[in-house]
């Protein structure tokens, strides 16, 4: 592998419209029940004393959206557990599944902390985001990135994205990045909570 392509996601401007997920589903002609990109709405809160009058309580609630697909991890657990050697990582760092080799055992689905690999019952094989490998090879950005109306997404080489946007690669409800070293950079929402230390819950998953 000579480089690592990656996604960037800005949670501070995402409005949860799901345009990225719809673009992905349309481009890849995915059947009902299979969504390679998902949107999680995460939120919570409690009651806190009013700073002007401590005898009163006021709500301290929060909510934000997180767009999630395959992270094309630098340590992909899906690849490590596949008994058919159907999963590989190419020279651009893109993790793909070879449909001709996949036996549909679902080991990759169980191993992935992001739930990226999904089983296509009609085809009997696992499927997942391939980072729009075909159009990326032509110099274009993945459909999900192009479709974002809020410009909350970007795409490029991981090192360049880190230089531009920072080094954060996990917020709630995502798992700690130490598990797989995901190829993603995130700008947190003002209410984003540290992965593994969140006090909220997933309110919606689409």
N, C-alpha and C. Protein backbone atom coordinates (compact mmCIF):
# COMPACT_ATOMS: atom_id res chain seq x y z
N UNK A 1 0.85 -1.20 0.00
CA UNK A 1 0.00 0.00 0.00
C UNK A 1 0.88 1.24 0.00
N UNK A 2 0.65 2.10 -0.97
CA UNK A 2 1.47 3.30 -1.08
C UNK A 2 0.80 4.51 -0.43
N UNK A 3 -0.51 4.49 -0.29
CA UNK A 3 -1.21 5.60 0.36
C UNK A 3 -2.50 5.10 0.98
N UNK A 4 -3.12 5.94 1.78
CA UNK A 4 -4.36 5.58 2.44
C UNK A 4 -5.42 6.64 2.16
N UNK A 5 -6.40 6.31 1.33
CA UNK A 5 -7.51 7.20 1.09
C UNK A 5 -8.46 7.15 2.28
N UNK A 6 -9.16 8.25 2.53
CA UNK A 6 -9.98 8.33 3.73
C UNK A 6 -11.15 9.31 3.55
N UNK A 7 -12.13 9.17 4.45
CA UNK A 7 -13.25 10.10 4.51
C UNK A 7 -13.01 11.14 5.60
N UNK A 8 -13.58 12.31 5.39
CA UNK A 8 -13.63 13.34 6.43
C UNK A 8 -15.09 13.63 6.70
N UNK A 9 -15.43 13.80 8.00
CA UNK A 9 -16.81 14.12 8.36
C UNK A 9 -16.83 15.24 9.39
N UNK A 10 -17.64 16.26 9.11
CA UNK A 10 -17.76 17.40 10.01
C UNK A 10 -19.10 17.32 10.74
N UNK A 11 -19.08 16.82 11.95
CA UNK A 11 -20.32 16.66 12.73
C UNK A 11 -20.90 18.00 13.15
N UNK A 12 -20.09 19.04 13.13
CA UNK A 12 -20.57 20.35 13.59
C UNK A 12 -21.53 21.01 12.61
N UNK A 13 -21.53 20.56 11.35
CA UNK A 13 -22.44 21.15 10.36
C UNK A 13 -23.45 20.15 9.79
N UNK A 14 -23.26 18.86 10.06
CA UNK A 14 -24.19 17.85 9.55
C UNK A 14 -25.57 18.05 10.16
N UNK A 15 -26.62 18.06 9.30
CA UNK A 15 -27.98 18.21 9.81
C UNK A 15 -28.78 16.91 9.77
N UNK A 16 -28.08 15.81 9.46
CA UNK A 16 -28.74 14.51 9.47
C UNK A 16 -29.72 14.29 8.34
N UNK A 17 -29.55 14.98 7.21
CA UNK A 17 -30.51 14.89 6.11
C UNK A 17 -30.50 13.56 5.38
N UNK A 18 -29.42 12.79 5.51
CA UNK A 18 -29.27 11.47 4.93
C UNK A 18 -29.05 11.46 3.42
N UNK A 19 -28.73 12.62 2.84
CA UNK A 19 -28.46 12.67 1.41
C UNK A 19 -27.28 11.77 1.04
N UNK A 20 -26.28 11.69 1.91
CA UNK A 20 -25.11 10.85 1.65
C UNK A 20 -25.50 9.38 1.56
N UNK A 21 -26.37 8.94 2.48
CA UNK A 21 -26.80 7.55 2.49
C UNK A 21 -27.67 7.23 1.27
N UNK A 22 -28.51 8.17 0.88
CA UNK A 22 -29.37 7.97 -0.29
C UNK A 22 -28.53 7.89 -1.57
N UNK A 23 -27.52 8.76 -1.67
CA UNK A 23 -26.65 8.75 -2.84
C UNK A 23 -25.91 7.42 -2.95
N UNK A 24 -25.44 6.92 -1.82
CA UNK A 24 -24.73 5.64 -1.78
C UNK A 24 -25.65 4.51 -2.23
N UNK A 25 -26.85 4.49 -1.69
CA UNK A 25 -27.80 3.43 -2.01
C UNK A 25 -28.19 3.45 -3.48
N UNK A 26 -28.37 4.66 -4.02
CA UNK A 26 -28.75 4.81 -5.42
C UNK A 26 -27.61 4.41 -6.35
N UNK A 27 -26.42 4.90 -6.05
CA UNK A 27 -25.27 4.62 -6.92
C UNK A 27 -24.97 3.13 -7.00
N UNK A 28 -25.11 2.44 -5.86
CA UNK A 28 -24.75 1.02 -5.80
C UNK A 28 -25.94 0.08 -5.96
N UNK A 29 -27.14 0.67 -6.21
CA UNK A 29 -28.36 -0.10 -6.44
C UNK A 29 -28.56 -1.15 -5.33
N UNK A 30 -28.48 -0.69 -4.10
CA UNK A 30 -28.56 -1.60 -2.95
C UNK A 30 -30.00 -2.01 -2.68
N UNK A 31 -30.22 -3.27 -2.34
CA UNK A 31 -31.58 -3.75 -2.05
C UNK A 31 -32.09 -3.24 -0.70
N UNK A 32 -33.38 -3.41 -0.49
CA UNK A 32 -33.99 -3.02 0.78
C UNK A 32 -33.29 -3.74 1.93
N UNK A 33 -32.97 -3.00 2.98
CA UNK A 33 -32.33 -3.60 4.15
C UNK A 33 -30.83 -3.49 4.18
N UNK A 34 -30.23 -3.10 3.05
CA UNK A 34 -28.77 -2.95 3.01
C UNK A 34 -28.44 -1.48 2.77
N UNK A 35 -27.72 -0.89 3.70
CA UNK A 35 -27.29 0.50 3.60
C UNK A 35 -25.81 0.56 3.94
N UNK A 36 -24.99 0.80 2.95
CA UNK A 36 -23.55 0.85 3.19
C UNK A 36 -23.14 2.07 3.99
N UNK A 37 -23.92 3.15 3.90
CA UNK A 37 -23.67 4.33 4.73
C UNK A 37 -24.89 4.58 5.59
N UNK A 38 -24.67 4.74 6.88
CA UNK A 38 -25.76 4.95 7.83
C UNK A 38 -25.58 6.27 8.57
N UNK A 39 -26.70 6.80 9.04
CA UNK A 39 -26.67 8.02 9.83
C UNK A 39 -27.17 7.69 11.23
N UNK A 40 -26.35 7.97 12.21
CA UNK A 40 -26.74 7.77 13.61
C UNK A 40 -27.05 9.13 14.23
N UNK A 41 -28.21 9.22 14.86
CA UNK A 41 -28.49 10.41 15.67
C UNK A 41 -28.22 10.02 17.12
N UNK A 42 -27.31 10.74 17.73
CA UNK A 42 -26.89 10.44 19.10
C UNK A 42 -27.25 11.61 20.00
N UNK A 43 -27.82 11.32 21.14
CA UNK A 43 -28.21 12.41 22.02
C UNK A 43 -28.48 11.97 23.43
N UNK A 44 -28.79 12.93 24.26
CA UNK A 44 -29.06 12.65 25.67
C UNK A 44 -29.23 13.95 26.42
N UNK A 45 -29.01 13.90 27.71
CA UNK A 45 -29.12 15.09 28.53
C UNK A 45 -29.79 14.81 29.85
N UNK A 46 -29.87 15.84 30.68
CA UNK A 46 -30.49 15.70 31.99
C UNK A 46 -30.98 17.07 32.45
N UNK A 47 -31.29 17.16 33.72
CA UNK A 47 -31.76 18.43 34.30
C UNK A 47 -30.65 19.03 35.15
N UNK A 48 -30.42 20.33 34.98
CA UNK A 48 -29.36 21.00 35.72
C UNK A 48 -29.92 22.27 36.37
N UNK A 49 -29.31 22.72 37.47
CA UNK A 49 -29.79 23.94 38.12
C UNK A 49 -29.67 25.15 37.22
N UNK A 50 -30.66 26.01 37.24
CA UNK A 50 -30.62 27.25 36.48
C UNK A 50 -29.57 28.17 37.12
N UNK A 51 -28.62 28.69 36.34
CA UNK A 51 -27.57 29.53 36.91
C UNK A 51 -28.10 30.82 37.55
N UNK A 52 -29.30 31.24 37.18
CA UNK A 52 -29.88 32.46 37.75
C UNK A 52 -30.70 32.19 39.00
N UNK A 53 -31.13 30.93 39.12
CA UNK A 53 -31.93 30.56 40.28
C UNK A 53 -31.81 29.06 40.49
N UNK A 54 -30.98 28.65 41.42
CA UNK A 54 -30.68 27.24 41.63
C UNK A 54 -31.87 26.42 42.12
N UNK A 55 -32.95 27.10 42.52
CA UNK A 55 -34.13 26.36 42.96
C UNK A 55 -34.92 25.82 41.76
N UNK A 56 -34.57 26.29 40.57
CA UNK A 56 -35.23 25.82 39.36
C UNK A 56 -34.26 24.92 38.58
N UNK A 57 -34.83 23.96 37.89
CA UNK A 57 -34.04 23.09 37.02
C UNK A 57 -34.40 23.37 35.57
N UNK A 58 -33.42 23.26 34.72
CA UNK A 58 -33.67 23.44 33.29
C UNK A 58 -33.07 22.25 32.53
N UNK A 59 -33.62 21.92 31.36
CA UNK A 59 -33.10 20.78 30.59
C UNK A 59 -31.75 21.11 29.97
N UNK A 60 -30.87 20.14 29.99
CA UNK A 60 -29.54 20.28 29.38
C UNK A 60 -29.40 19.14 28.37
N UNK A 61 -30.08 19.28 27.23
CA UNK A 61 -30.14 18.19 26.27
C UNK A 61 -29.25 18.49 25.06
N UNK A 62 -28.88 17.43 24.36
CA UNK A 62 -28.05 17.58 23.17
C UNK A 62 -28.38 16.48 22.17
N UNK A 63 -28.05 16.71 20.93
CA UNK A 63 -28.22 15.70 19.88
C UNK A 63 -27.35 16.10 18.68
N UNK A 64 -26.78 15.13 18.03
CA UNK A 64 -26.00 15.39 16.82
C UNK A 64 -26.00 14.14 15.95
N UNK A 65 -25.69 14.33 14.68
CA UNK A 65 -25.69 13.22 13.72
C UNK A 65 -24.27 12.81 13.36
N UNK A 66 -24.10 11.51 13.09
CA UNK A 66 -22.81 10.98 12.67
C UNK A 66 -23.03 10.09 11.45
N UNK A 67 -22.37 10.41 10.36
CA UNK A 67 -22.47 9.63 9.13
C UNK A 67 -21.36 8.57 9.14
N UNK A 68 -21.76 7.31 8.95
CA UNK A 68 -20.82 6.20 9.12
C UNK A 68 -20.90 5.22 7.95
N UNK A 69 -19.77 4.85 7.42
CA UNK A 69 -19.68 3.78 6.42
C UNK A 69 -18.44 2.96 6.77
N UNK A 70 -18.00 2.12 5.86
CA UNK A 70 -16.75 1.40 6.09
C UNK A 70 -15.64 2.42 6.28
N UNK A 71 -14.81 2.19 7.28
CA UNK A 71 -13.72 3.11 7.60
C UNK A 71 -12.42 2.76 6.89
N UNK A 72 -12.43 1.68 6.11
CA UNK A 72 -11.24 1.26 5.37
C UNK A 72 -10.02 1.32 6.30
N UNK A 73 -10.19 0.62 7.41
CA UNK A 73 -9.25 0.69 8.53
C UNK A 73 -7.83 0.29 8.15
N UNK A 74 -6.90 0.83 8.89
CA UNK A 74 -5.50 0.45 8.69
C UNK A 74 -5.22 -0.91 9.31
N UNK A 75 -6.07 -1.32 10.25
CA UNK A 75 -6.00 -2.66 10.82
C UNK A 75 -7.39 -3.29 10.70
N UNK A 76 -7.80 -3.65 9.49
CA UNK A 76 -9.17 -4.13 9.27
C UNK A 76 -9.41 -5.53 9.85
N UNK A 77 -10.23 -5.61 10.88
CA UNK A 77 -10.53 -6.89 11.50
C UNK A 77 -11.28 -7.80 10.55
N UNK A 78 -12.06 -7.21 9.65
CA UNK A 78 -12.81 -8.02 8.67
C UNK A 78 -11.86 -8.84 7.81
N UNK A 79 -10.78 -8.21 7.39
CA UNK A 79 -9.78 -8.90 6.57
C UNK A 79 -9.10 -10.01 7.37
N UNK A 80 -8.81 -9.74 8.62
CA UNK A 80 -8.08 -10.69 9.46
C UNK A 80 -8.87 -11.97 9.74
N UNK A 81 -10.22 -11.86 9.78
CA UNK A 81 -11.01 -13.03 10.16
C UNK A 81 -11.59 -13.78 8.98
N UNK A 82 -11.49 -13.24 7.76
CA UNK A 82 -12.11 -13.88 6.61
C UNK A 82 -11.43 -15.21 6.28
N UNK A 83 -12.15 -16.34 6.38
CA UNK A 83 -11.53 -17.65 6.13
C UNK A 83 -11.33 -17.94 4.64
N UNK A 84 -11.98 -17.14 3.79
CA UNK A 84 -11.88 -17.40 2.35
C UNK A 84 -10.91 -16.46 1.65
N UNK A 85 -10.24 -15.61 2.41
CA UNK A 85 -9.33 -14.62 1.84
C UNK A 85 -10.02 -13.77 0.77
N UNK A 86 -11.30 -13.46 1.03
CA UNK A 86 -12.09 -12.70 0.06
C UNK A 86 -11.94 -11.19 0.25
N UNK A 87 -11.35 -10.78 1.37
CA UNK A 87 -11.23 -9.36 1.68
C UNK A 87 -9.77 -8.93 1.53
N UNK A 88 -9.58 -7.82 0.85
CA UNK A 88 -8.21 -7.34 0.62
C UNK A 88 -8.17 -5.82 0.75
N UNK A 89 -6.97 -5.30 0.83
CA UNK A 89 -6.74 -3.86 0.95
C UNK A 89 -5.80 -3.47 -0.18
N UNK A 90 -6.25 -2.59 -1.09
CA UNK A 90 -5.45 -2.30 -2.27
C UNK A 90 -4.40 -1.22 -2.03
N UNK A 91 -3.75 -0.81 -3.10
CA UNK A 91 -2.65 0.13 -2.99
C UNK A 91 -3.10 1.52 -2.54
N UNK A 92 -4.39 1.79 -2.61
CA UNK A 92 -4.93 3.06 -2.13
C UNK A 92 -5.52 2.96 -0.72
N UNK A 93 -5.40 1.78 -0.12
CA UNK A 93 -5.92 1.58 1.22
C UNK A 93 -7.40 1.24 1.26
N UNK A 94 -8.00 1.00 0.09
CA UNK A 94 -9.43 0.68 0.03
C UNK A 94 -9.63 -0.80 0.31
N UNK A 95 -10.50 -1.09 1.28
CA UNK A 95 -10.81 -2.47 1.66
C UNK A 95 -12.00 -2.94 0.83
N UNK A 96 -11.83 -4.06 0.12
CA UNK A 96 -12.89 -4.57 -0.74
C UNK A 96 -13.16 -6.05 -0.49
N UNK A 97 -14.34 -6.49 -0.92
CA UNK A 97 -14.73 -7.89 -0.82
C UNK A 97 -14.83 -8.46 -2.23
N UNK A 98 -14.15 -9.56 -2.48
CA UNK A 98 -14.22 -10.25 -3.78
C UNK A 98 -15.45 -11.16 -3.77
N UNK A 99 -16.46 -10.79 -4.53
CA UNK A 99 -17.71 -11.56 -4.56
C UNK A 99 -17.50 -12.99 -5.04
N UNK A 100 -16.46 -13.22 -5.83
CA UNK A 100 -16.20 -14.57 -6.35
C UNK A 100 -15.57 -15.49 -5.30
N UNK A 101 -15.00 -14.89 -4.26
CA UNK A 101 -14.37 -15.69 -3.22
C UNK A 101 -15.21 -15.78 -1.94
N UNK A 102 -16.06 -14.77 -1.72
CA UNK A 102 -16.85 -14.72 -0.48
C UNK A 102 -17.78 -15.93 -0.36
N UNK A 103 -17.82 -16.52 0.83
CA UNK A 103 -18.69 -17.67 1.09
C UNK A 103 -19.88 -17.30 1.99
N UNK A 104 -20.00 -16.03 2.31
CA UNK A 104 -21.15 -15.56 3.07
C UNK A 104 -21.21 -16.06 4.50
N UNK A 105 -20.07 -16.28 5.12
CA UNK A 105 -20.05 -16.83 6.48
C UNK A 105 -20.37 -15.78 7.55
N UNK A 106 -20.26 -14.50 7.20
CA UNK A 106 -20.57 -13.38 8.07
C UNK A 106 -19.54 -13.12 9.16
N UNK A 107 -18.41 -13.79 9.12
CA UNK A 107 -17.38 -13.54 10.13
C UNK A 107 -16.96 -12.07 10.13
N UNK A 108 -16.86 -11.49 8.93
CA UNK A 108 -16.44 -10.09 8.83
C UNK A 108 -17.46 -9.17 9.48
N UNK A 109 -18.73 -9.49 9.30
CA UNK A 109 -19.80 -8.69 9.90
C UNK A 109 -19.71 -8.69 11.41
N UNK A 110 -19.44 -9.84 11.97
CA UNK A 110 -19.35 -9.96 13.43
C UNK A 110 -18.09 -9.28 13.97
N UNK A 111 -17.02 -9.28 13.19
CA UNK A 111 -15.75 -8.72 13.65
C UNK A 111 -15.70 -7.19 13.56
N UNK A 112 -16.40 -6.62 12.59
CA UNK A 112 -16.31 -5.17 12.34
C UNK A 112 -17.04 -4.38 13.42
N UNK A 113 -16.35 -3.49 14.13
CA UNK A 113 -17.02 -2.69 15.18
C UNK A 113 -17.93 -1.60 14.62
N UNK A 114 -17.87 -1.37 13.30
CA UNK A 114 -18.70 -0.35 12.66
C UNK A 114 -19.91 -0.95 11.95
N UNK A 115 -20.00 -2.26 11.90
CA UNK A 115 -21.12 -2.90 11.22
C UNK A 115 -21.11 -2.66 9.72
N UNK A 116 -19.93 -2.48 9.14
CA UNK A 116 -19.84 -2.13 7.72
C UNK A 116 -20.22 -3.27 6.77
N UNK A 117 -19.66 -4.48 6.93
CA UNK A 117 -20.04 -5.57 6.03
C UNK A 117 -21.50 -5.98 6.28
N UNK A 118 -22.26 -6.12 5.20
CA UNK A 118 -23.67 -6.50 5.32
C UNK A 118 -23.98 -7.65 4.37
N UNK A 119 -24.81 -8.56 4.84
CA UNK A 119 -25.11 -9.78 4.09
C UNK A 119 -26.24 -9.55 3.09
N UNK A 120 -25.96 -9.87 1.83
CA UNK A 120 -26.98 -9.83 0.79
C UNK A 120 -27.56 -11.24 0.66
N UNK A 121 -28.78 -11.41 1.17
CA UNK A 121 -29.38 -12.74 1.20
C UNK A 121 -29.63 -13.29 -0.19
N UNK A 122 -30.02 -12.45 -1.13
CA UNK A 122 -30.30 -12.92 -2.49
C UNK A 122 -29.04 -13.44 -3.17
N UNK A 123 -27.92 -12.73 -2.95
CA UNK A 123 -26.67 -13.13 -3.58
C UNK A 123 -25.89 -14.13 -2.74
N UNK A 124 -26.19 -14.19 -1.43
CA UNK A 124 -25.49 -15.12 -0.53
C UNK A 124 -24.07 -14.70 -0.20
N UNK A 125 -23.79 -13.41 -0.32
CA UNK A 125 -22.44 -12.93 -0.05
C UNK A 125 -22.48 -11.66 0.79
N UNK A 126 -21.32 -11.30 1.33
CA UNK A 126 -21.19 -10.06 2.09
C UNK A 126 -20.92 -8.90 1.13
N UNK A 127 -21.41 -7.73 1.51
CA UNK A 127 -21.19 -6.52 0.70
C UNK A 127 -20.81 -5.38 1.63
N UNK A 128 -20.20 -4.34 1.09
CA UNK A 128 -19.82 -3.18 1.89
C UNK A 128 -19.39 -2.03 0.99
N UNK A 129 -19.24 -0.87 1.60
CA UNK A 129 -18.73 0.31 0.90
C UNK A 129 -17.37 0.02 0.28
N UNK A 130 -17.23 0.35 -1.00
CA UNK A 130 -15.94 0.19 -1.66
C UNK A 130 -15.33 1.55 -2.01
N UNK A 131 -15.82 2.59 -1.33
CA UNK A 131 -15.31 3.95 -1.49
C UNK A 131 -15.49 4.45 -2.92
N UNK A 132 -16.55 3.94 -3.60
CA UNK A 132 -16.80 4.31 -5.01
C UNK A 132 -15.51 4.16 -5.82
N UNK A 133 -14.91 3.00 -5.66
CA UNK A 133 -13.60 2.72 -6.24
C UNK A 133 -13.53 3.04 -7.74
N UNK A 134 -14.64 2.81 -8.45
CA UNK A 134 -14.63 3.01 -9.89
C UNK A 134 -14.48 4.48 -10.27
N UNK A 135 -15.23 5.37 -9.60
CA UNK A 135 -15.13 6.79 -9.97
C UNK A 135 -13.93 7.47 -9.30
N UNK A 136 -13.49 6.94 -8.16
CA UNK A 136 -12.28 7.47 -7.52
C UNK A 136 -11.08 7.25 -8.45
N UNK A 137 -11.08 6.12 -9.16
CA UNK A 137 -9.99 5.84 -10.10
C UNK A 137 -9.97 6.85 -11.24
N UNK A 138 -11.11 7.54 -11.48
CA UNK A 138 -11.21 8.55 -12.53
C UNK A 138 -10.97 9.96 -11.99
N UNK A 139 -10.61 10.04 -10.69
CA UNK A 139 -10.31 11.34 -10.11
C UNK A 139 -11.48 12.02 -9.45
N UNK A 140 -12.62 11.33 -9.34
CA UNK A 140 -13.80 11.91 -8.70
C UNK A 140 -13.86 11.50 -7.23
N UNK A 141 -14.69 12.20 -6.47
CA UNK A 141 -14.90 11.86 -5.07
C UNK A 141 -16.10 10.92 -4.95
N UNK A 142 -16.16 10.10 -3.90
CA UNK A 142 -17.29 9.19 -3.72
C UNK A 142 -18.63 9.93 -3.74
N UNK A 143 -19.68 9.22 -4.15
CA UNK A 143 -21.00 9.82 -4.30
C UNK A 143 -21.50 10.44 -3.00
N UNK A 144 -21.24 9.79 -1.87
CA UNK A 144 -21.72 10.31 -0.60
C UNK A 144 -21.15 11.70 -0.33
N UNK A 145 -19.88 11.88 -0.67
CA UNK A 145 -19.21 13.17 -0.46
C UNK A 145 -19.80 14.22 -1.39
N UNK A 146 -20.01 13.84 -2.65
CA UNK A 146 -20.56 14.77 -3.62
C UNK A 146 -21.98 15.19 -3.28
N UNK A 147 -22.74 14.29 -2.65
CA UNK A 147 -24.16 14.55 -2.39
C UNK A 147 -24.42 15.39 -1.15
N UNK A 148 -23.44 15.57 -0.29
CA UNK A 148 -23.67 16.26 0.98
C UNK A 148 -24.03 17.72 0.76
N UNK A 149 -25.26 18.08 1.08
CA UNK A 149 -25.74 19.45 0.85
C UNK A 149 -25.11 20.45 1.82
N UNK A 150 -24.62 19.96 2.95
CA UNK A 150 -24.02 20.84 3.95
C UNK A 150 -22.50 20.92 3.83
N UNK A 151 -21.96 20.22 2.84
CA UNK A 151 -20.51 20.14 2.65
C UNK A 151 -19.82 19.68 3.94
N UNK A 152 -20.47 18.70 4.56
CA UNK A 152 -19.94 18.17 5.82
C UNK A 152 -18.96 17.03 5.59
N UNK A 153 -18.74 16.66 4.33
CA UNK A 153 -17.86 15.55 4.03
C UNK A 153 -16.77 15.96 3.05
N UNK A 154 -15.66 15.26 3.15
CA UNK A 154 -14.56 15.45 2.21
C UNK A 154 -13.88 14.11 2.03
N UNK A 155 -12.94 14.06 1.11
CA UNK A 155 -12.29 12.80 0.76
C UNK A 155 -10.90 13.09 0.24
N UNK A 156 -9.96 12.23 0.58
CA UNK A 156 -8.60 12.41 0.09
C UNK A 156 -7.64 11.50 0.82
N UNK A 157 -6.36 11.80 0.71
CA UNK A 157 -5.36 11.00 1.42
C UNK A 157 -5.42 11.33 2.91
N UNK A 158 -5.31 10.31 3.72
CA UNK A 158 -5.48 10.45 5.16
C UNK A 158 -4.53 11.49 5.76
N UNK A 159 -3.28 11.44 5.39
CA UNK A 159 -2.31 12.40 5.94
C UNK A 159 -2.68 13.84 5.60
N UNK A 160 -3.17 14.05 4.37
CA UNK A 160 -3.55 15.40 3.96
C UNK A 160 -4.80 15.87 4.69
N UNK A 161 -5.75 14.96 4.89
CA UNK A 161 -6.96 15.31 5.64
C UNK A 161 -6.62 15.66 7.08
N UNK A 162 -5.68 14.93 7.66
CA UNK A 162 -5.27 15.22 9.04
C UNK A 162 -4.59 16.59 9.14
N UNK A 163 -3.78 16.91 8.16
CA UNK A 163 -3.13 18.23 8.16
C UNK A 163 -4.15 19.34 8.05
N UNK A 164 -5.22 19.08 7.31
CA UNK A 164 -6.24 20.10 7.05
C UNK A 164 -7.26 20.21 8.17
N UNK A 165 -7.67 19.04 8.74
CA UNK A 165 -8.79 19.03 9.68
C UNK A 165 -8.46 18.57 11.09
N UNK A 166 -7.30 17.99 11.32
CA UNK A 166 -6.95 17.51 12.66
C UNK A 166 -6.84 16.00 12.72
N UNK A 167 -6.73 15.48 13.94
CA UNK A 167 -6.46 14.05 14.11
C UNK A 167 -7.56 13.26 14.81
N UNK A 168 -8.70 13.87 15.06
CA UNK A 168 -9.78 13.15 15.75
C UNK A 168 -10.39 12.12 14.82
N UNK A 169 -10.52 10.89 15.29
CA UNK A 169 -11.07 9.83 14.45
C UNK A 169 -12.13 8.98 15.15
N UNK A 170 -12.68 9.52 16.26
CA UNK A 170 -13.75 8.80 16.95
C UNK A 170 -14.50 9.74 17.88
N UNK A 171 -15.81 9.68 17.82
CA UNK A 171 -16.70 10.34 18.79
C UNK A 171 -17.85 9.36 19.04
N UNK A 172 -18.58 9.56 20.11
CA UNK A 172 -19.74 8.72 20.33
C UNK A 172 -20.75 8.92 19.19
N UNK A 173 -21.40 7.85 18.70
CA UNK A 173 -21.41 6.49 19.25
C UNK A 173 -20.41 5.54 18.57
N UNK A 174 -19.37 6.06 17.95
CA UNK A 174 -18.38 5.22 17.31
C UNK A 174 -17.49 4.55 18.36
N UNK A 175 -16.96 3.36 18.05
CA UNK A 175 -16.06 2.69 18.98
C UNK A 175 -14.71 3.39 19.05
N UNK A 176 -13.94 3.14 20.09
CA UNK A 176 -12.60 3.74 20.18
C UNK A 176 -11.77 3.38 18.95
N UNK A 177 -11.03 4.34 18.44
CA UNK A 177 -10.28 4.13 17.21
C UNK A 177 -9.12 3.16 17.37
N UNK A 178 -8.71 2.91 18.60
CA UNK A 178 -7.57 2.02 18.85
C UNK A 178 -7.86 0.58 18.42
N UNK A 179 -9.12 0.24 18.22
CA UNK A 179 -9.49 -1.13 17.84
C UNK A 179 -9.01 -1.46 16.43
N UNK A 180 -9.23 -0.55 15.48
CA UNK A 180 -8.91 -0.85 14.08
C UNK A 180 -8.11 0.24 13.36
N UNK A 181 -7.86 1.37 14.01
CA UNK A 181 -7.20 2.51 13.35
C UNK A 181 -7.96 2.91 12.07
N UNK A 182 -9.16 3.44 12.22
CA UNK A 182 -9.98 3.79 11.06
C UNK A 182 -9.39 4.92 10.23
N UNK A 183 -9.63 4.85 8.93
CA UNK A 183 -9.14 5.90 8.03
C UNK A 183 -10.22 6.96 7.90
N UNK A 184 -10.33 7.78 8.92
CA UNK A 184 -11.34 8.83 8.95
C UNK A 184 -10.84 9.99 9.80
N UNK A 185 -11.29 11.18 9.47
CA UNK A 185 -11.00 12.36 10.27
C UNK A 185 -12.33 13.03 10.57
N UNK A 186 -12.52 13.43 11.83
CA UNK A 186 -13.80 13.98 12.26
C UNK A 186 -13.62 15.34 12.93
N UNK A 187 -14.44 16.28 12.53
CA UNK A 187 -14.57 17.52 13.29
C UNK A 187 -15.77 17.34 14.19
N UNK A 188 -15.58 17.34 15.50
CA UNK A 188 -16.69 17.05 16.42
C UNK A 188 -17.75 18.15 16.43
N UNK A 189 -18.96 17.77 16.75
CA UNK A 189 -20.03 18.71 17.06
C UNK A 189 -19.70 19.33 18.41
N UNK A 190 -20.24 20.49 18.71
CA UNK A 190 -19.93 21.14 19.98
C UNK A 190 -20.35 20.29 21.17
N UNK A 191 -21.32 19.38 20.95
CA UNK A 191 -21.79 18.51 22.02
C UNK A 191 -21.26 17.09 21.89
N UNK A 192 -20.37 16.85 20.93
CA UNK A 192 -19.83 15.50 20.75
C UNK A 192 -19.16 15.00 22.02
N UNK A 193 -19.35 13.73 22.30
CA UNK A 193 -18.77 13.13 23.49
C UNK A 193 -17.68 12.14 23.09
N UNK A 194 -16.74 11.96 23.98
CA UNK A 194 -15.60 11.10 23.72
C UNK A 194 -16.06 9.66 23.55
N UNK A 195 -15.54 9.00 22.54
CA UNK A 195 -15.90 7.60 22.29
C UNK A 195 -15.61 6.74 23.50
N UNK A 196 -16.61 5.98 23.90
CA UNK A 196 -16.48 5.10 25.06
C UNK A 196 -16.81 5.76 26.38
N UNK A 197 -17.07 7.09 26.35
CA UNK A 197 -17.36 7.81 27.58
C UNK A 197 -18.68 8.59 27.47
N UNK A 198 -19.49 8.24 26.50
CA UNK A 198 -20.71 8.98 26.27
C UNK A 198 -21.77 8.76 27.33
N UNK A 199 -22.57 9.79 27.54
CA UNK A 199 -23.67 9.72 28.49
C UNK A 199 -25.03 9.73 27.77
N UNK A 200 -24.96 9.63 26.44
CA UNK A 200 -26.18 9.64 25.66
C UNK A 200 -26.49 8.25 25.12
N UNK A 201 -27.32 8.22 24.07
CA UNK A 201 -27.68 6.95 23.43
C UNK A 201 -28.02 7.22 21.98
N UNK A 202 -28.07 6.16 21.19
CA UNK A 202 -28.46 6.29 19.78
C UNK A 202 -29.97 6.48 19.72
N UNK A 203 -30.40 7.62 19.20
CA UNK A 203 -31.82 7.95 19.11
C UNK A 203 -32.44 7.43 17.82
N UNK A 204 -31.61 7.35 16.78
CA UNK A 204 -32.10 6.88 15.47
C UNK A 204 -30.94 6.33 14.67
N UNK A 205 -31.21 5.28 13.92
CA UNK A 205 -30.21 4.69 13.02
C UNK A 205 -30.89 4.44 11.68
N UNK A 206 -30.44 5.13 10.65
CA UNK A 206 -31.03 4.97 9.33
C UNK A 206 -29.93 4.77 8.30
